[in-house]
Each structure stands twice: as C-alpha cells, then as structure tokens.
Amino acid sequence: MIFMDQQMRREICRLIDGLVVAADDLTPPEEAFLDRVLEKFQIPQSERDSIFPIIDQAEAAETIRRLPQEAQNAALALLLEATAADGVVAPEERVYLGAVAQGLGMSEVELDRRIAQQMAQ
C-alpha cells in the first residue's frame, strides 16, 4: 500500500462519505463499509466527525484531482467498493462517481465498465 499521511486518509474518507450519503439514505452495508475504511485508515470512531463536512460532487472532483496518482487509484477503488456495498448504484451515487471520474480524466464508458465489474464481484 502506498504511503498516505493522516490528511490524505481523511480526504479519501471524506470522498467516500460524500458518495455514501449522496442518495440521502445511508444503508447499513454502506455504514459498515465506511467503518471498515476508517479502521483501515486508523481513524478512530471518536474522530469520525473529522471527515466532515461532507463534500459534494464538484468538491470531490477537485479533491481527487489534487491527490497523487497512487492515492487517486486507491480512492477510486474504494469509491467503487462503497458504491457496490449495498448492491445498488443509486442515481445520485452515479452522478457523484461521474464527477470524480471527470476529475480523473476518465471517460463515462470506462467508469460504467468499472462500476459493472465491481457490482459483479
């Protein structure tokens, strides 16, 4: 795994949190996924508020663009996992991912291919 400082890990968690609440309905599987990411990134539950405020899709595109390439790849993989966590890609989640993909210079076709691949797992 690439080196990520505490700030970078928090930024990636903010991206994921923005995605899972995009549909205004945080499902239990999404909540569990976010908890696992926080644990993986060594952000204690007591500091969960540190990943707020939640960012919108425009901010998400800018945030991911600022990350180093390896962190961008890791963030996108986690965002795709978060999308598939509850087995449903809500339209709002797809719009959010579209903004992130645009920030990365990724085509909509490639994004849809990656979403379908993740959903099949």
Protein backbone atom coordinates (compact mmCIF):
# COMPACT_ATOMS: atom_id res chain seq x y z
CA MET A 1 0.00 0.00 0.00
CA ILE A 2 1.18 3.50 -0.74
CA PHE A 3 2.16 5.90 1.98
CA MET A 4 -0.70 8.21 2.91
CA ASP A 5 -0.42 10.80 5.62
CA GLN A 6 -3.29 11.42 8.02
CA GLN A 7 -4.65 14.33 5.95
CA MET A 8 -4.72 12.27 2.74
CA ARG A 9 -6.50 9.40 4.52
CA ARG A 10 -9.09 11.84 5.86
CA GLU A 11 -9.60 13.32 2.39
CA ILE A 12 -10.25 9.87 0.93
CA CYS A 13 -12.69 9.12 3.75
CA ARG A 14 -14.46 12.41 3.01
CA LEU A 15 -14.77 11.33 -0.64
CA ILE A 16 -16.30 8.01 0.40
CA ASP A 17 -18.62 9.62 2.93
CA GLY A 18 -19.80 12.07 0.27
CA LEU A 19 -20.62 9.16 -2.01
CA VAL A 20 -22.49 7.01 0.50
CA VAL A 21 -24.69 9.89 1.64
CA ALA A 22 -25.27 11.23 -1.89
CA ALA A 23 -28.60 9.40 -2.08
CA ASP A 24 -29.66 10.75 1.34
CA ASP A 25 -30.00 7.16 2.53
CA LEU A 26 -27.01 5.64 4.31
CA THR A 27 -27.71 1.91 4.29
CA PRO A 28 -26.34 -0.45 6.95
CA PRO A 29 -23.92 -2.08 4.44
CA GLU A 30 -22.62 1.37 3.43
CA GLU A 31 -22.23 2.36 7.07
CA ALA A 32 -20.31 -0.87 7.75
CA PHE A 33 -18.08 -0.24 4.73
CA LEU A 34 -17.29 3.28 5.91
CA ASP A 35 -16.49 1.93 9.39
CA ARG A 36 -14.06 -0.60 7.84
CA VAL A 37 -12.33 2.14 5.82
CA LEU A 38 -11.98 4.32 8.91
CA GLU A 39 -10.44 1.39 10.75
CA LYS A 40 -8.12 0.58 7.84
CA PHE A 41 -7.00 4.21 7.72
CA GLN A 42 -6.53 4.27 11.51
CA ILE A 43 -9.14 6.96 12.10
CA PRO A 44 -10.81 6.16 15.44
CA GLN A 45 -14.60 6.22 15.64
CA SER A 46 -14.19 9.00 18.19
CA GLU A 47 -12.72 11.13 15.38
CA ARG A 48 -15.36 10.27 12.80
CA ASP A 49 -16.53 13.88 12.83
CA SER A 50 -13.11 14.82 11.42
CA ILE A 51 -14.20 13.58 7.98
CA PHE A 52 -16.90 16.23 7.87
CA PRO A 53 -18.08 18.38 6.32
CA ILE A 54 -19.29 16.03 3.64
CA ILE A 55 -18.17 17.11 0.21
CA ASP A 56 -20.36 17.42 -2.86
CA GLN A 57 -19.55 16.12 -6.32
CA ALA A 58 -17.78 19.29 -7.52
CA GLU A 59 -15.56 19.30 -4.43
CA ALA A 60 -14.99 15.57 -4.85
CA ALA A 61 -13.66 16.07 -8.39
CA GLU A 62 -11.28 18.77 -7.15
CA THR A 63 -10.19 16.72 -4.14
CA ILE A 64 -9.34 13.60 -6.13
CA ARG A 65 -7.53 15.68 -8.75
CA ARG A 66 -5.17 17.01 -6.03
CA LEU A 67 -4.20 13.55 -4.78
CA PRO A 68 -1.05 11.80 -6.02
CA GLN A 69 -1.67 9.20 -8.76
CA GLU A 70 -1.42 6.17 -6.46
CA ALA A 71 -3.80 7.76 -3.95
CA GLN A 72 -6.21 8.58 -6.78
CA ASN A 73 -6.24 4.91 -7.80
CA ALA A 74 -6.76 3.78 -4.20
CA ALA A 75 -9.54 6.33 -3.67
CA LEU A 76 -11.35 5.34 -6.86
CA ALA A 77 -11.16 1.64 -5.92
CA LEU A 78 -12.64 2.42 -2.51
CA LEU A 79 -15.36 4.59 -4.04
CA LEU A 80 -16.33 1.76 -6.37
CA GLU A 81 -16.40 -0.67 -3.43
CA ALA A 82 -18.54 1.77 -1.45
CA THR A 83 -20.96 2.06 -4.37
CA ALA A 84 -21.36 -1.70 -4.55
CA ALA A 85 -21.55 -2.17 -0.76
CA ASP A 86 -25.34 -2.31 -0.69
CA GLY A 87 -25.74 -3.88 -4.14
CA VAL A 88 -27.42 -0.79 -5.62
CA VAL A 89 -25.96 2.09 -7.60
CA ALA A 90 -28.29 4.96 -6.76
CA PRO A 91 -28.57 7.62 -9.48
CA GLU A 92 -27.04 10.17 -7.09
CA GLU A 93 -24.07 7.87 -6.48
CA ARG A 94 -23.55 7.50 -10.24
CA VAL A 95 -23.59 11.29 -10.68
CA TYR A 96 -21.05 11.66 -7.84
CA LEU A 97 -18.81 8.99 -9.39
CA GLY A 98 -19.18 10.69 -12.77
CA ALA A 99 -17.82 13.92 -11.30
CA VAL A 100 -14.92 12.04 -9.71
CA ALA A 101 -14.17 10.25 -12.98
CA GLN A 102 -14.23 13.56 -14.82
CA GLY A 103 -11.76 14.92 -12.26
CA LEU A 104 -9.51 11.99 -13.15
CA GLY A 105 -9.97 12.43 -16.89
CA MET A 106 -11.76 9.07 -17.11
CA SER A 107 -14.47 8.50 -19.70
CA GLU A 108 -18.05 7.70 -18.73
CA VAL A 109 -17.73 4.42 -20.64
CA GLU A 110 -14.68 3.39 -18.59
CA LEU A 111 -16.42 4.40 -15.37
CA ASP A 112 -19.51 2.35 -16.23
CA ARG A 113 -17.26 -0.63 -17.07
CA ARG A 114 -15.56 -0.36 -13.66
CA ILE A 115 -18.88 0.01 -11.84
CA ALA A 116 -20.26 -3.08 -13.59
CA GLN A 117 -17.08 -5.01 -12.78
CA GLN A 118 -17.32 -4.03 -9.11
CA MET A 119 -21.02 -4.88 -8.91
CA ALA A 120 -20.29 -8.35 -10.36
CA GLN A 121 -17.85 -9.14 -7.55
